[in-house]
Amino acid sequence: MAKPKPFEVHWKKSRVRTVLDQVRTYPWPPMPDVADGWAYGCDGAYLQDFCEYWTDDYDWRAAVEDLNRFPQFTAKVEDFDIHFLHVVGEAGGKRPLILTHGWPGSHYEFWQAIEKLAWPSKFGGDPADAFDLVIPSLPGFGFSSKPVRPIGQRSTARLFNTLMTKVLGYETYLAQGGDWGALVTSWLGRDHGDHAKAIHLNMMGFRPHGGPQGEAEVAWAQRQAGAQDVMGAYFRLQVSKPQSIAWMGAGNPVGQAAWILERFHDWSDLSVKTLDEAYSRDRLLTNIMIYVMTNSFTTGAWYYRGLVEEGGMAFSPSKRLETPTAFANFPGEPLYTAPPRSFAERAHNIVRWTDMPRGGHFAAMEEPDLFVGEVREWGRGVG
């Protein structure tokens, strides 16, 4: 197995200039004259203001410096060059935890949680809570290499298990994920439970065979179906015809930003705060720029089709996942709301269930302190 190679992010000035020029000269389409522009997609007034900030105030050089703040590498795993952060903190190689992101996020989602998880004593915490962190970019995302055709979550779990065991030499490890990361993490527990000893999810990964049972589960499923009707068009497109959005997004950084920003708006807990209060514009832009500068908007969308390529809507393995599973229910999750615990327990060996006080889909990015506290508590329970 090839050794990891050190990696640094480099964005060419000429390439950034091209992107910013495309943003400045974007031919704005008609926008509906309505009170809530988000009801029609990404709000036009917000997007125009966001793009002005992008071209006039966003410090892309500082963003690159920030992206190089932690040790990162690439490693050849099967046909992929997998990009990952490897942060060995106070755990000193003894407590590995792999964190897996989803779409339209990136490895950057975990930025505000890294130091607190790796070096808790720097923040008044207990060194015994420290983890060795491995934070990969999904294949086709960010700085990982791109597939020649869609790859799915079960295959990704195989790649990541090899990364942890063969490349980095961890015989056993813990795993955490949300969004697609939750499904990858679930497959780590299902297929590689000899190594992935316990998992933590902030979106439910698997579903049980037989569907919902009982009044509460049926009511939840009906609410889910209604939410998908309102907010799930992106999923139906990307799981069936992802290249359709690829043609529209290629060479169009404003279009890519609008598609991504709409998810952050719709999936975050905005019950008591605005989008700009939930995330700084610099953080939103750095996440978007990772897609734009690596040309991974297309292959990121392919990841939905990868679910189909690996055997259909494979959320329901034939057997319950017996790897100990913890679940953090962030209540501001508008689309992928948590099922009743009874539903989850028929698919997962749920040993911990935490109802969080606030936060939505992008938990580590939106509520990093709550995320860190929950992961620390879970880690104490699993050793």
Protein backbone atom coordinates (compact mmCIF):
# COMPACT_ATOMS: atom_id res chain seq x y z
CA MET A 1 0.00 0.00 0.00
CA ALA A 2 1.43 3.38 -1.06
CA LYS A 3 2.32 5.83 1.68
CA PRO A 4 0.30 9.04 2.02
CA LYS A 5 1.70 12.07 0.22
CA PRO A 6 1.59 15.49 1.86
CA PHE A 7 -0.85 17.83 0.14
CA GLU A 8 -1.39 21.58 0.02
CA VAL A 9 -4.19 23.60 -1.54
CA HIS A 10 -3.06 25.92 -4.33
CA TRP A 11 -5.45 28.15 -6.28
CA LYS A 12 -3.90 29.91 -9.25
CA LYS A 13 -4.49 33.64 -9.30
CA SER A 14 -5.47 33.49 -12.99
CA ARG A 15 -8.07 30.81 -12.30
CA VAL A 16 -9.55 32.75 -9.38
CA ARG A 17 -9.65 35.89 -11.54
CA THR A 18 -11.60 33.98 -14.19
CA VAL A 19 -14.12 32.79 -11.60
CA LEU A 20 -14.60 36.29 -10.17
CA ASP A 21 -15.00 37.74 -13.67
CA GLN A 22 -17.70 35.14 -14.37
CA VAL A 23 -19.46 36.18 -11.19
CA ARG A 24 -19.24 39.90 -12.09
CA THR A 25 -20.58 39.39 -15.61
CA TYR A 26 -23.29 36.88 -14.77
CA PRO A 27 -26.43 37.55 -16.88
CA TRP A 28 -29.05 37.70 -14.17
CA PRO A 29 -32.33 36.03 -15.21
CA PRO A 30 -35.80 37.35 -14.32
CA MET A 31 -36.70 37.03 -10.64
CA PRO A 32 -40.20 36.71 -9.18
CA ASP A 33 -41.53 39.78 -7.41
CA VAL A 34 -42.65 37.99 -4.24
CA ALA A 35 -42.16 38.44 -0.52
CA ASP A 36 -40.30 35.15 -0.07
CA GLY A 37 -37.88 34.60 -2.92
CA TRP A 38 -36.57 31.41 -1.27
CA ALA A 39 -39.90 29.74 -2.05
CA TYR A 40 -38.87 29.70 -5.73
CA GLY A 41 -35.28 28.53 -5.24
CA CYS A 42 -32.30 30.59 -4.17
CA ASP A 43 -33.51 34.10 -3.31
CA GLY A 44 -32.37 36.51 -6.03
CA ALA A 45 -31.79 39.53 -3.81
CA TYR A 46 -29.74 37.46 -1.36
CA LEU A 47 -27.74 35.88 -4.19
CA GLN A 48 -26.92 39.25 -5.78
CA ASP A 49 -25.71 40.61 -2.46
CA PHE A 50 -23.76 37.41 -1.84
CA CYS A 51 -22.06 37.69 -5.23
CA GLU A 52 -21.09 41.30 -4.56
CA TYR A 53 -19.41 40.14 -1.37
CA TRP A 54 -17.74 37.33 -3.32
CA THR A 55 -16.13 39.68 -5.83
CA ASP A 56 -15.42 42.65 -3.55
CA ASP A 57 -14.75 41.36 -0.02
CA TYR A 58 -13.97 37.63 0.00
CA ASP A 59 -10.27 37.08 0.72
CA TRP A 60 -9.51 33.96 -1.27
CA ARG A 61 -5.83 33.99 -0.29
CA ALA A 62 -6.81 33.87 3.37
CA ALA A 63 -9.17 31.01 2.54
CA VAL A 64 -6.34 29.03 0.96
CA GLU A 65 -4.16 29.68 3.99
CA ASP A 66 -6.98 28.47 6.22
CA LEU A 67 -7.47 25.33 4.11
CA ASN A 68 -3.79 24.53 4.67
CA ARG A 69 -4.02 25.00 8.45
CA PHE A 70 -4.16 21.27 9.28
CA PRO A 71 -1.97 18.39 8.00
CA GLN A 72 -3.48 16.90 4.87
CA PHE A 73 -2.49 14.17 2.48
CA THR A 74 -3.53 12.10 -0.51
CA ALA A 75 -3.30 8.33 -0.67
CA LYS A 76 -3.88 5.87 -3.48
CA VAL A 77 -6.76 3.58 -2.55
CA GLU A 78 -7.83 1.27 -5.36
CA ASP A 79 -8.38 3.60 -8.34
CA PHE A 80 -8.72 6.78 -6.30
CA ASP A 81 -6.43 9.37 -4.85
CA ILE A 82 -8.25 10.04 -1.60
CA HIS A 83 -7.64 13.43 -0.01
CA PHE A 84 -7.83 13.58 3.78
CA LEU A 85 -6.85 15.52 6.84
CA HIS A 86 -4.95 13.57 9.48
CA VAL A 87 -4.81 15.49 12.74
CA VAL A 88 -3.00 13.63 15.53
CA GLY A 89 -3.71 15.60 18.67
CA GLU A 90 -3.57 14.73 22.33
CA ALA A 91 -4.80 11.19 21.64
CA GLY A 92 -1.33 10.46 20.25
CA GLY A 93 -2.44 7.82 17.79
CA LYS A 94 -4.64 5.87 20.20
CA ARG A 95 -8.20 7.07 19.53
CA PRO A 96 -8.93 7.36 15.80
CA LEU A 97 -12.17 8.92 14.56
CA ILE A 98 -13.09 9.28 10.90
CA LEU A 99 -15.50 12.15 10.11
CA THR A 100 -17.34 11.94 6.78
CA HIS A 101 -19.12 14.85 5.12
CA GLY A 102 -21.99 14.87 2.64
CA TRP A 103 -23.39 17.00 -0.21
CA PRO A 104 -23.25 19.94 -0.77
CA GLY A 105 -20.71 20.13 2.02
CA SER A 106 -17.04 19.22 2.07
CA HIS A 107 -14.31 18.24 4.48
CA TYR A 108 -14.37 21.94 5.43
CA GLU A 109 -17.66 21.39 7.29
CA PHE A 110 -15.70 20.18 10.32
CA TRP A 111 -13.25 23.10 10.47
CA GLN A 112 -14.57 24.69 13.66
CA ALA A 113 -14.69 21.34 15.47
CA ILE A 114 -11.23 19.99 14.63
CA GLU A 115 -9.08 21.65 17.26
CA LYS A 116 -11.59 21.08 20.06
CA LEU A 117 -11.84 17.38 19.21
CA ALA A 118 -8.09 16.90 18.78
CA TRP A 119 -6.78 19.13 21.59
CA PRO A 120 -9.56 19.49 24.18
CA SER A 121 -7.22 20.73 26.92
CA LYS A 122 -6.54 23.88 24.89
CA PHE A 123 -10.20 24.77 25.41
CA GLY A 124 -10.51 23.80 29.06
CA GLY A 125 -11.43 20.18 28.30
CA ASP A 126 -10.08 16.80 29.35
CA PRO A 127 -7.16 15.40 27.29
CA ALA A 128 -8.78 11.96 27.68
CA ASP A 129 -11.53 13.16 25.32
CA ALA A 130 -9.07 13.72 22.45
CA PHE A 131 -9.33 11.92 19.11
CA ASP A 132 -6.98 11.31 16.23
CA LEU A 133 -9.03 12.81 13.39
CA VAL A 134 -9.19 11.54 9.83
CA ILE A 135 -11.37 13.73 7.62
CA PRO A 136 -11.50 12.58 3.98
CA SER A 137 -13.04 14.18 0.93
CA LEU A 138 -15.58 11.85 -0.65
CA PRO A 139 -14.44 10.45 -4.03
CA GLY A 140 -15.39 13.00 -6.68
CA PHE A 141 -15.53 15.80 -4.10
CA GLY A 142 -13.02 18.53 -3.45
CA PHE A 143 -9.42 17.39 -3.60
CA SER A 144 -10.10 13.65 -3.97
CA SER A 145 -9.83 12.30 -7.50
CA LYS A 146 -12.90 11.94 -9.68
CA PRO A 147 -14.57 8.70 -10.76
CA VAL A 148 -15.15 7.90 -14.41
CA ARG A 149 -18.74 7.04 -13.53
CA PRO A 150 -20.86 7.47 -10.40
CA ILE A 151 -19.65 5.79 -7.23
CA GLY A 152 -21.88 5.15 -4.25
CA GLN A 153 -21.75 5.09 -0.49
CA ARG A 154 -21.06 1.40 0.09
CA SER A 155 -18.04 1.52 -2.19
CA THR A 156 -16.89 4.67 -0.43
CA ALA A 157 -17.07 2.86 2.90
CA ARG A 158 -14.80 0.15 1.50
CA LEU A 159 -12.30 2.79 0.34
CA PHE A 160 -12.39 4.60 3.68
CA ASN A 161 -11.96 1.38 5.66
CA THR A 162 -8.87 0.64 3.58
CA LEU A 163 -7.62 4.17 4.22
CA MET A 164 -8.02 3.71 7.97
CA THR A 165 -6.63 0.18 8.27
CA LYS A 166 -4.13 -0.35 5.45
CA VAL A 167 -2.90 3.19 4.79
CA LEU A 168 -2.98 4.67 8.29
CA GLY A 169 -2.60 1.45 10.24
CA TYR A 170 -5.56 1.77 12.60
CA GLU A 171 -6.80 -1.73 13.40
CA THR A 172 -9.97 -0.32 14.96
CA TYR A 173 -11.58 3.11 14.85
CA LEU A 174 -14.72 5.14 15.49
CA ALA A 175 -16.77 6.78 12.72
CA GLN A 176 -19.14 9.75 12.49
CA GLY A 177 -21.14 11.22 9.62
CA GLY A 178 -24.12 13.25 8.47
CA ASP A 179 -25.92 13.50 5.13
CA TRP A 180 -24.21 11.05 2.73
CA GLY A 181 -21.58 10.72 5.43
CA ALA A 182 -24.24 9.08 7.58
CA LEU A 183 -24.83 6.42 4.96
CA VAL A 184 -21.09 5.89 4.38
CA THR A 185 -20.64 5.61 8.15
CA SER A 186 -23.53 3.14 8.38
CA TRP A 187 -21.90 0.99 5.69
CA LEU A 188 -18.62 1.16 7.62
CA GLY A 189 -20.47 -0.34 10.57
CA ARG A 190 -22.37 -2.85 8.43
CA ASP A 191 -19.56 -4.18 6.23
CA HIS A 192 -16.49 -3.37 8.31
CA GLY A 193 -17.68 -3.77 11.88
CA ASP A 194 -14.53 -5.65 12.86
CA HIS A 195 -12.73 -2.32 12.42
CA ALA A 196 -15.43 0.35 12.82
CA LYS A 197 -16.26 -0.49 16.44
CA ALA A 198 -18.92 2.18 17.00
CA ILE A 199 -20.60 4.81 14.84
CA HIS A 200 -22.27 8.18 15.41
CA LEU A 201 -24.81 9.74 13.05
CA ASN A 202 -26.54 13.09 12.81
CA MET A 203 -28.81 11.85 10.03
CA MET A 204 -30.31 8.39 10.10
CA GLY A 205 -28.52 6.10 7.66
CA PHE A 206 -30.44 2.85 7.13
CA ARG A 207 -34.13 2.11 7.14
CA PRO A 208 -35.66 -1.17 8.35
CA HIS A 209 -37.29 -3.71 6.11
CA GLY A 210 -41.04 -3.67 6.24
CA GLY A 211 -41.44 0.08 6.28
CA PRO A 212 -43.08 2.14 9.00
CA GLN A 213 -45.17 0.41 11.64
CA GLY A 214 -47.63 1.94 14.05
CA GLU A 215 -49.30 5.32 14.13
CA ALA A 216 -46.25 7.42 15.00
CA GLU A 217 -44.03 5.86 12.34
CA VAL A 218 -46.70 6.13 9.63
CA ALA A 219 -47.32 9.78 10.52
CA TRP A 220 -43.58 10.49 10.32
CA ALA A 221 -43.34 8.79 6.92
CA GLN A 222 -46.24 10.86 5.62
CA ARG A 223 -44.57 14.07 6.83
CA GLN A 224 -41.35 12.96 5.15
CA ALA A 225 -43.14 12.36 1.87
CA GLY A 226 -44.72 15.81 2.06
CA ALA A 227 -41.36 17.45 2.77
CA GLN A 228 -39.82 15.61 -0.18
CA ASP A 229 -42.58 16.91 -2.43
CA VAL A 230 -41.72 20.49 -1.43
CA MET A 231 -37.94 20.32 -1.04
CA GLY A 232 -36.84 17.10 -2.69
CA ALA A 233 -36.74 18.03 -6.39
CA TYR A 234 -32.93 18.32 -6.21
CA PHE A 235 -32.76 14.68 -5.01
CA ARG A 236 -34.97 13.32 -7.75
CA LEU A 237 -32.90 15.10 -10.38
CA GLN A 238 -29.48 14.13 -9.04
CA VAL A 239 -30.42 10.52 -8.34
CA SER A 240 -31.85 10.07 -11.85
CA LYS A 241 -30.34 12.61 -14.29
CA PRO A 242 -27.36 14.24 -12.54
CA GLN A 243 -25.72 15.26 -15.80
CA SER A 244 -28.63 17.62 -16.46
CA ILE A 245 -27.54 19.85 -13.59
CA ALA A 246 -23.90 19.35 -14.56
CA TRP A 247 -24.45 21.00 -17.96
CA MET A 248 -26.05 24.02 -16.34
CA GLY A 249 -23.44 24.33 -13.60
CA ALA A 250 -20.27 23.94 -15.66
CA GLY A 251 -18.47 27.26 -16.08
CA ASN A 252 -21.20 28.94 -14.03
CA PRO A 253 -19.99 29.69 -10.49
CA VAL A 254 -23.11 31.76 -9.72
CA GLY A 255 -25.35 28.85 -10.69
CA GLN A 256 -23.31 26.47 -8.56
CA ALA A 257 -23.47 28.88 -5.62
CA ALA A 258 -27.25 29.24 -5.97
CA TRP A 259 -27.76 25.47 -6.04
CA ILE A 260 -25.59 25.00 -2.94
CA LEU A 261 -26.88 28.03 -1.00
CA GLU A 262 -30.46 26.89 -1.44
CA ARG A 263 -29.61 23.69 0.48
CA PHE A 264 -27.90 25.59 3.28
CA HIS A 265 -30.93 27.86 3.58
CA ASP A 266 -33.53 25.10 3.40
CA TRP A 267 -31.74 22.58 5.64
CA SER A 268 -30.50 24.80 8.46
CA ASP A 269 -32.22 25.75 11.70
CA LEU A 270 -33.35 29.28 10.87
CA SER A 271 -36.10 29.39 13.46
CA VAL A 272 -34.35 32.10 15.50
CA LYS A 273 -31.59 33.30 13.16
CA THR A 274 -30.91 34.19 9.55
CA LEU A 275 -28.70 32.32 7.13
CA ASP A 276 -25.96 34.92 7.62
CA GLU A 277 -26.21 34.43 11.37
CA ALA A 278 -26.00 30.65 11.04
CA TYR A 279 -22.88 30.76 8.85
CA SER A 280 -20.44 33.50 7.96
CA ARG A 281 -20.35 34.35 4.27
CA ASP A 282 -16.64 33.57 4.22
CA ARG A 283 -17.33 30.00 5.36
CA LEU A 284 -20.15 29.54 2.85
CA LEU A 285 -17.92 30.89 0.09
CA THR A 286 -14.97 28.69 0.96
CA ASN A 287 -17.21 25.64 0.80
CA ILE A 288 -18.55 26.80 -2.58
CA MET A 289 -15.09 27.63 -3.87
CA ILE A 290 -13.93 24.09 -3.09
CA TYR A 291 -16.53 22.89 -5.60
CA VAL A 292 -15.79 25.61 -8.16
CA MET A 293 -11.99 25.45 -8.03
CA THR A 294 -11.83 21.65 -8.21
CA ASN A 295 -14.54 21.26 -10.87
CA SER A 296 -16.33 18.83 -8.56
CA PHE A 297 -19.84 20.24 -8.89
CA THR A 298 -20.57 17.58 -11.54
CA THR A 299 -19.07 14.56 -9.81
CA GLY A 300 -20.56 15.69 -6.52
CA ALA A 301 -24.00 15.51 -8.14
CA TRP A 302 -23.10 12.08 -9.53
CA TYR A 303 -22.84 10.77 -5.98
CA TYR A 304 -26.64 10.60 -5.83
CA ARG A 305 -26.77 8.42 -8.92
CA GLY A 306 -24.14 6.26 -7.24
CA LEU A 307 -26.85 5.11 -4.84
CA VAL A 308 -28.74 3.65 -7.81
CA GLU A 309 -25.60 2.25 -9.43
CA GLU A 310 -24.97 0.21 -6.27
CA GLY A 311 -28.29 -1.56 -6.35
CA GLY A 312 -31.17 0.85 -6.19
CA MET A 313 -32.37 2.90 -3.25
CA ALA A 314 -30.22 0.80 -0.96
CA PHE A 315 -31.12 2.32 2.39
CA SER A 316 -32.39 -1.02 3.75
CA PRO A 317 -29.83 -3.82 4.12
CA SER A 318 -31.22 -7.31 4.68
CA LYS A 319 -30.08 -7.40 8.32
CA ARG A 320 -30.08 -4.87 11.14
CA LEU A 321 -26.81 -3.03 11.63
CA GLU A 322 -25.49 -4.43 14.92
CA THR A 323 -22.52 -2.10 15.32
CA PRO A 324 -23.31 0.17 18.31
CA THR A 325 -24.90 3.29 16.89
CA ALA A 326 -25.36 6.73 18.44
CA PHE A 327 -27.73 9.28 16.96
CA ALA A 328 -27.85 13.05 17.53
CA ASN A 329 -31.22 14.52 16.62
CA PHE A 330 -30.70 18.16 15.64
CA PRO A 331 -34.30 19.48 15.71
CA GLY A 332 -33.97 22.18 13.05
CA GLU A 333 -33.50 19.59 10.31
CA PRO A 334 -36.43 20.54 8.03
CA LEU A 335 -36.21 17.84 5.34
CA TYR A 336 -34.57 14.75 6.81
CA THR A 337 -36.29 14.83 10.17
CA ALA A 338 -35.48 12.09 12.64
CA PRO A 339 -37.80 9.08 12.62
CA PRO A 340 -39.33 7.69 15.79
CA ARG A 341 -36.72 5.78 17.73
CA SER A 342 -38.67 2.54 17.22
CA PHE A 343 -38.18 2.90 13.46
CA ALA A 344 -34.44 3.55 13.82
CA GLU A 345 -33.93 0.65 16.23
CA ARG A 346 -35.19 -1.89 13.68
CA ALA A 347 -32.39 -0.80 11.33
CA HIS A 348 -29.60 0.13 13.78
CA ASN A 349 -28.38 -1.07 17.15
CA ILE A 350 -29.17 2.27 18.80
CA VAL A 351 -27.26 2.59 22.07
CA ARG A 352 -27.42 6.38 22.41
CA TRP A 353 -30.05 8.88 21.27
CA THR A 354 -29.57 12.57 22.00
CA ASP A 355 -32.19 15.23 21.30
CA MET A 356 -30.13 18.36 20.68
CA PRO A 357 -31.45 21.81 21.67
CA ARG A 358 -31.00 23.42 18.23
CA GLY A 359 -29.22 23.06 14.92
CA GLY A 360 -29.97 21.58 11.54
CA HIS A 361 -28.53 19.45 8.77
CA PHE A 362 -24.95 20.79 8.70
CA ALA A 363 -24.45 20.19 12.41
CA ALA A 364 -20.66 20.52 12.72
CA MET A 365 -20.64 23.72 10.68
CA GLU A 366 -23.79 25.31 12.09
CA GLU A 367 -23.41 24.37 15.76
CA PRO A 368 -19.78 23.30 16.24
CA ASP A 369 -19.76 23.53 20.03
CA LEU A 370 -22.89 21.38 20.36
CA PHE A 371 -21.43 18.93 17.85
CA VAL A 372 -18.13 18.71 19.74
CA GLY A 373 -19.85 18.25 23.08
CA GLU A 374 -22.05 15.45 21.73
CA VAL A 375 -19.16 13.62 20.05
CA ARG A 376 -17.07 13.88 23.21
CA GLU A 377 -19.89 12.45 25.34
CA TRP A 378 -20.39 9.61 22.89
CA GLY A 379 -16.66 8.92 22.82
CA ARG A 380 -16.54 8.56 26.60
CA GLY A 381 -19.18 5.88 26.40
CA VAL A 382 -17.42 3.78 23.79
CA GLY A 383 -13.87 4.18 25.14
